[in-house]
Amino acid sequence: MTTKEKIIQVAETLPADATIEEAMERLLFLAKVEKGLQQADNGETVSHMEVRERMSKWLK
């Protein structure tokens, strides 16, 4: 699906009274999800243990 098709699909699912900001937020959310899925497919993930190590300094 092309980017234009994705934008149209999102626009069609929004309520009639949706604001431009709401549409932009939805598109940004979907773009970030898509990017995350691509990163996962490419093996660009962080293990649970590594996340715990990175977060430990904030969790103290």
Protein backbone atom coordinates (compact mmCIF):
# COMPACT_ATOMS: atom_id res chain seq x y z
CA MET A 1 0.00 0.00 0.00
CA THR A 2 1.36 3.40 -0.92
CA THR A 3 1.71 6.24 1.54
CA LYS A 4 -1.10 8.10 -0.20
CA GLU A 5 -3.38 5.08 0.13
CA LYS A 6 -2.55 4.80 3.83
CA ILE A 7 -3.38 8.47 4.36
CA ILE A 8 -6.69 8.08 2.56
CA GLN A 9 -7.51 4.97 4.60
CA VAL A 10 -6.84 6.82 7.86
CA ALA A 11 -8.90 9.81 6.71
CA GLU A 12 -11.82 7.54 5.88
CA THR A 13 -11.78 5.95 9.35
CA LEU A 14 -11.73 9.23 11.27
CA PRO A 15 -14.99 10.62 12.63
CA ALA A 16 -16.55 13.42 10.60
CA ASP A 17 -15.71 15.98 13.28
CA ALA A 18 -12.03 14.98 13.65
CA THR A 19 -9.54 17.80 13.74
CA ILE A 20 -6.42 18.09 11.61
CA GLU A 21 -4.37 17.57 14.77
CA GLU A 22 -6.18 14.29 15.49
CA ALA A 23 -5.55 13.10 11.94
CA MET A 24 -1.87 14.00 12.22
CA GLU A 25 -1.56 12.21 15.56
CA ARG A 26 -3.11 9.08 14.08
CA LEU A 27 -0.80 9.17 11.06
CA LEU A 28 2.26 9.71 13.25
CA PHE A 29 1.24 6.82 15.51
CA LEU A 30 0.80 4.49 12.54
CA ALA A 31 4.13 5.59 11.04
CA LYS A 32 5.92 4.84 14.31
CA VAL A 33 4.27 1.43 14.58
CA GLU A 34 5.28 0.64 11.00
CA LYS A 35 8.85 1.73 11.69
CA GLY A 36 8.99 -0.42 14.83
CA LEU A 37 7.73 -3.45 12.94
CA GLN A 38 10.36 -2.90 10.25
CA GLN A 39 13.06 -2.65 12.91
CA ALA A 40 11.85 -5.87 14.51
CA ASP A 41 11.86 -7.62 11.13
CA ASN A 42 15.44 -6.44 10.62
CA GLY A 43 16.50 -7.79 14.01
CA GLU A 44 17.01 -4.29 15.42
CA THR A 45 15.52 -5.09 18.80
CA VAL A 46 16.66 -4.84 22.41
CA SER A 47 16.30 -7.76 24.79
CA HIS A 48 14.25 -7.47 27.94
CA MET A 49 17.40 -7.81 30.05
CA GLU A 50 19.13 -5.00 28.16
CA VAL A 51 16.12 -2.74 28.67
CA ARG A 52 16.18 -3.51 32.39
CA GLU A 53 19.88 -2.60 32.51
CA ARG A 54 19.31 0.65 30.64
CA MET A 55 16.31 1.59 32.80
CA SER A 56 17.94 0.64 36.11
CA LYS A 57 19.43 4.10 36.56
CA TRP A 58 15.93 5.64 36.40
CA LEU A 59 14.25 3.00 38.51
CA LYS A 60 16.40 3.57 41.60
